[in-house]
Each structure stands twice: as structure tokens, then as C-alpha cells.
Amino acid sequence: MINGIGPISPEFMVSNAPEANKPAQPQQLSSDFGTLMADMASNTVESMKNADNMAVQGITGEASTREVVDAVMQAEQAL
């Protein structure tokens, strides 16, 4: 027979703050699918431009290898 699970003790709770008990509010999204897609495409283009700029800065010695790699990885993920 399976026994019932008792209440969770307070030490396992993440926070007792009232804000923690509120349900998450949904983010305001664009109501138009075309606008949503345009925003996503715009963000992707900006990410690609940032990666290109960081690559040039890396070549000229103005950015570290880590910064260039991070920017290129973000652009790849956006695509």
C-alpha cells in the first residue's frame, strides 16, 4: 500500500516571500504573427551584425578571442 506524502517542511521551500507565491505573469507578446516573425528576424539580423563587428574587432586586436567566440555562438543560436 502506498502511504500519503506529508506536507513539505519549510526548509525545503525556496522562499517564503509573498512574491514567490504569485503565479508568473505571461509576457506581453505581439498579437500579430507577422509582427512576431519580423521582430524575430530583426533580432537575428542584429545578432549577426554583432558577430561580424566582433570578428573585425578580434582581427584588429580590440576584442578578445572569448568575446568573438561568444558573439558568433549567439548568432549561430539565433539562426
N, C-alpha and C. Protein backbone atom coordinates (compact mmCIF):
# COMPACT_ATOMS: atom_id res chain seq x y z
N MET A 1 0.83 -1.17 0.00
CA MET A 1 0.00 0.00 0.00
C MET A 1 0.89 1.24 0.00
N ILE A 2 0.46 2.26 -0.71
CA ILE A 2 1.23 3.50 -0.80
C ILE A 2 0.74 4.46 0.26
N ASN A 3 1.69 4.98 1.04
CA ASN A 3 1.35 5.96 2.07
C ASN A 3 1.32 7.34 1.45
N GLY A 4 0.49 8.20 1.98
CA GLY A 4 0.39 9.59 1.51
C GLY A 4 1.65 10.37 1.85
N ILE A 5 1.91 11.37 1.07
CA ILE A 5 3.06 12.24 1.29
C ILE A 5 2.62 13.37 2.20
N GLY A 6 3.40 13.65 3.22
CA GLY A 6 3.07 14.71 4.17
C GLY A 6 3.41 16.08 3.60
N PRO A 7 3.11 17.12 4.34
CA PRO A 7 3.42 18.48 3.88
C PRO A 7 4.92 18.70 3.79
N ILE A 8 5.30 19.60 2.94
CA ILE A 8 6.72 19.92 2.75
C ILE A 8 7.16 20.82 3.89
N SER A 9 8.28 20.48 4.48
CA SER A 9 8.77 21.28 5.58
C SER A 9 9.34 22.60 5.07
N PRO A 10 9.32 23.65 5.89
CA PRO A 10 9.75 24.99 5.46
C PRO A 10 11.18 25.06 4.95
N GLU A 11 12.07 24.21 5.43
CA GLU A 11 13.46 24.31 4.97
C GLU A 11 13.63 23.92 3.51
N PHE A 12 12.63 23.24 2.94
CA PHE A 12 12.73 22.87 1.53
C PHE A 12 12.11 23.92 0.61
N MET A 13 11.45 24.90 1.18
CA MET A 13 10.83 25.93 0.36
C MET A 13 11.89 26.92 -0.09
N VAL A 14 11.77 27.40 -1.31
CA VAL A 14 12.75 28.32 -1.86
C VAL A 14 12.63 29.68 -1.20
N SER A 15 11.42 30.15 -1.05
CA SER A 15 11.22 31.46 -0.46
C SER A 15 9.85 31.51 0.20
N ASN A 16 9.78 32.21 1.32
CA ASN A 16 8.51 32.43 1.98
C ASN A 16 7.94 33.79 1.63
N ALA A 17 8.60 34.52 0.75
CA ALA A 17 8.16 35.85 0.36
C ALA A 17 6.83 35.76 -0.39
N PRO A 18 5.95 36.75 -0.21
CA PRO A 18 4.66 36.72 -0.91
C PRO A 18 4.81 36.70 -2.42
N GLU A 19 5.87 37.33 -2.95
CA GLU A 19 6.07 37.35 -4.40
C GLU A 19 6.30 35.95 -4.95
N ALA A 20 6.88 35.08 -4.14
CA ALA A 20 7.18 33.73 -4.61
C ALA A 20 5.91 32.91 -4.80
N ASN A 21 4.84 33.29 -4.11
CA ASN A 21 3.59 32.53 -4.21
C ASN A 21 2.69 33.01 -5.32
N LYS A 22 3.03 34.12 -5.95
CA LYS A 22 2.22 34.65 -7.04
C LYS A 22 2.48 33.85 -8.31
N PRO A 23 1.44 33.60 -9.09
CA PRO A 23 1.68 32.92 -10.37
C PRO A 23 2.44 33.83 -11.31
N ALA A 24 3.24 33.23 -12.15
CA ALA A 24 4.03 34.00 -13.11
C ALA A 24 3.11 34.70 -14.09
N GLN A 25 3.39 35.96 -14.34
CA GLN A 25 2.60 36.72 -15.31
C GLN A 25 3.13 36.45 -16.70
N PRO A 26 2.25 36.16 -17.65
CA PRO A 26 2.73 35.93 -19.02
C PRO A 26 3.30 37.22 -19.60
N GLN A 27 4.34 37.07 -20.38
CA GLN A 27 4.93 38.23 -21.04
C GLN A 27 3.99 38.71 -22.12
N GLN A 28 3.99 40.02 -22.32
CA GLN A 28 3.14 40.59 -23.35
C GLN A 28 3.75 40.27 -24.70
N LEU A 29 3.03 39.51 -25.50
CA LEU A 29 3.51 39.13 -26.82
C LEU A 29 2.74 39.87 -27.88
N SER A 30 3.35 40.00 -29.01
CA SER A 30 2.70 40.64 -30.13
C SER A 30 1.50 39.81 -30.56
N SER A 31 0.38 40.48 -30.82
CA SER A 31 -0.82 39.74 -31.20
C SER A 31 -0.82 39.35 -32.67
N ASP A 32 0.05 39.94 -33.44
CA ASP A 32 0.10 39.67 -34.87
C ASP A 32 1.28 38.75 -35.17
N PHE A 33 1.01 37.63 -35.83
CA PHE A 33 2.06 36.65 -36.13
C PHE A 33 3.14 37.26 -37.01
N GLY A 34 2.74 38.08 -37.97
CA GLY A 34 3.71 38.72 -38.86
C GLY A 34 4.65 39.64 -38.12
N THR A 35 4.11 40.38 -37.16
CA THR A 35 4.94 41.27 -36.35
C THR A 35 5.91 40.47 -35.50
N LEU A 36 5.43 39.37 -34.95
CA LEU A 36 6.29 38.50 -34.15
C LEU A 36 7.45 37.96 -34.98
N MET A 37 7.13 37.49 -36.18
CA MET A 37 8.18 36.96 -37.06
C MET A 37 9.16 38.05 -37.49
N ALA A 38 8.65 39.25 -37.75
CA ALA A 38 9.52 40.36 -38.13
C ALA A 38 10.46 40.73 -36.99
N ASP A 39 9.95 40.72 -35.77
CA ASP A 39 10.79 41.01 -34.61
C ASP A 39 11.88 39.95 -34.45
N MET A 40 11.51 38.70 -34.64
CA MET A 40 12.50 37.62 -34.53
C MET A 40 13.57 37.75 -35.60
N ALA A 41 13.16 38.07 -36.82
CA ALA A 41 14.13 38.24 -37.91
C ALA A 41 15.04 39.43 -37.63
N SER A 42 14.47 40.50 -37.12
CA SER A 42 15.26 41.69 -36.79
C SER A 42 16.30 41.38 -35.72
N ASN A 43 15.88 40.64 -34.69
CA ASN A 43 16.82 40.25 -33.63
C ASN A 43 17.93 39.36 -34.17
N THR A 44 17.60 38.48 -35.09
CA THR A 44 18.60 37.59 -35.69
C THR A 44 19.59 38.40 -36.51
N VAL A 45 19.10 39.36 -37.28
CA VAL A 45 19.99 40.22 -38.08
C VAL A 45 20.91 41.01 -37.18
N GLU A 46 20.38 41.55 -36.09
CA GLU A 46 21.22 42.30 -35.15
C GLU A 46 22.29 41.41 -34.52
N SER A 47 21.93 40.18 -34.22
CA SER A 47 22.89 39.24 -33.67
C SER A 47 24.00 38.94 -34.67
N MET A 48 23.63 38.78 -35.94
CA MET A 48 24.63 38.52 -36.99
C MET A 48 25.56 39.73 -37.17
N LYS A 49 24.99 40.94 -37.14
CA LYS A 49 25.80 42.15 -37.26
C LYS A 49 26.78 42.26 -36.09
N ASN A 50 26.30 41.95 -34.90
CA ASN A 50 27.16 41.99 -33.72
C ASN A 50 28.31 40.99 -33.87
N ALA A 51 28.02 39.80 -34.37
CA ALA A 51 29.07 38.79 -34.56
C ALA A 51 30.09 39.27 -35.58
N ASP A 52 29.62 39.89 -36.66
CA ASP A 52 30.54 40.40 -37.68
C ASP A 52 31.43 41.51 -37.10
N ASN A 53 30.81 42.41 -36.35
CA ASN A 53 31.59 43.50 -35.74
C ASN A 53 32.62 42.96 -34.76
N MET A 54 32.22 41.97 -33.97
CA MET A 54 33.16 41.39 -33.01
C MET A 54 34.30 40.66 -33.72
N ALA A 55 34.00 40.04 -34.86
CA ALA A 55 35.06 39.37 -35.62
C ALA A 55 36.08 40.38 -36.11
N VAL A 56 35.61 41.51 -36.61
CA VAL A 56 36.52 42.57 -37.07
C VAL A 56 37.32 43.11 -35.91
N GLN A 57 36.66 43.32 -34.76
CA GLN A 57 37.38 43.80 -33.59
C GLN A 57 38.41 42.77 -33.12
N GLY A 58 38.11 41.50 -33.26
CA GLY A 58 39.06 40.46 -32.90
C GLY A 58 40.27 40.48 -33.81
N ILE A 59 40.05 40.71 -35.09
CA ILE A 59 41.16 40.77 -36.05
C ILE A 59 42.06 41.96 -35.77
N THR A 60 41.45 43.10 -35.40
CA THR A 60 42.24 44.30 -35.13
C THR A 60 42.80 44.33 -33.72
N GLY A 61 42.48 43.33 -32.91
CA GLY A 61 43.02 43.26 -31.56
C GLY A 61 42.22 44.04 -30.54
N GLU A 62 41.04 44.52 -30.90
CA GLU A 62 40.22 45.31 -29.98
C GLU A 62 39.30 44.43 -29.13
N ALA A 63 39.16 43.15 -29.49
CA ALA A 63 38.31 42.23 -28.72
C ALA A 63 39.07 40.94 -28.50
N SER A 64 38.77 40.30 -27.38
CA SER A 64 39.43 39.04 -27.07
C SER A 64 38.81 37.89 -27.88
N THR A 65 39.53 36.80 -27.94
CA THR A 65 39.02 35.62 -28.64
C THR A 65 37.72 35.15 -28.00
N ARG A 66 37.65 35.22 -26.71
CA ARG A 66 36.44 34.79 -25.98
C ARG A 66 35.22 35.62 -26.40
N GLU A 67 35.40 36.94 -26.51
CA GLU A 67 34.30 37.81 -26.91
C GLU A 67 33.82 37.49 -28.33
N VAL A 68 34.77 37.23 -29.21
CA VAL A 68 34.43 36.90 -30.60
C VAL A 68 33.66 35.58 -30.65
N VAL A 69 34.16 34.58 -29.95
CA VAL A 69 33.52 33.27 -29.96
C VAL A 69 32.11 33.37 -29.38
N ASP A 70 31.94 34.10 -28.28
CA ASP A 70 30.62 34.26 -27.68
C ASP A 70 29.64 34.92 -28.65
N ALA A 71 30.09 35.97 -29.34
CA ALA A 71 29.21 36.67 -30.28
C ALA A 71 28.83 35.76 -31.45
N VAL A 72 29.78 35.00 -31.94
CA VAL A 72 29.49 34.09 -33.08
C VAL A 72 28.55 32.98 -32.62
N MET A 73 28.74 32.46 -31.43
CA MET A 73 27.86 31.41 -30.92
C MET A 73 26.44 31.92 -30.74
N GLN A 74 26.29 33.16 -30.27
CA GLN A 74 24.96 33.74 -30.12
C GLN A 74 24.29 33.90 -31.47
N ALA A 75 25.05 34.30 -32.47
CA ALA A 75 24.50 34.45 -33.81
C ALA A 75 24.08 33.09 -34.38
N GLU A 76 24.88 32.07 -34.15
CA GLU A 76 24.53 30.73 -34.62
C GLU A 76 23.25 30.24 -33.95
N GLN A 77 23.11 30.50 -32.67
CA GLN A 77 21.91 30.08 -31.96
C GLN A 77 20.68 30.83 -32.46
N ALA A 78 20.86 32.10 -32.80
CA ALA A 78 19.74 32.88 -33.32
C ALA A 78 19.25 32.33 -34.65
N LEU A 79 20.20 31.86 -35.46
CA LEU A 79 19.81 31.28 -36.74
C LEU A 79 19.11 29.96 -36.54
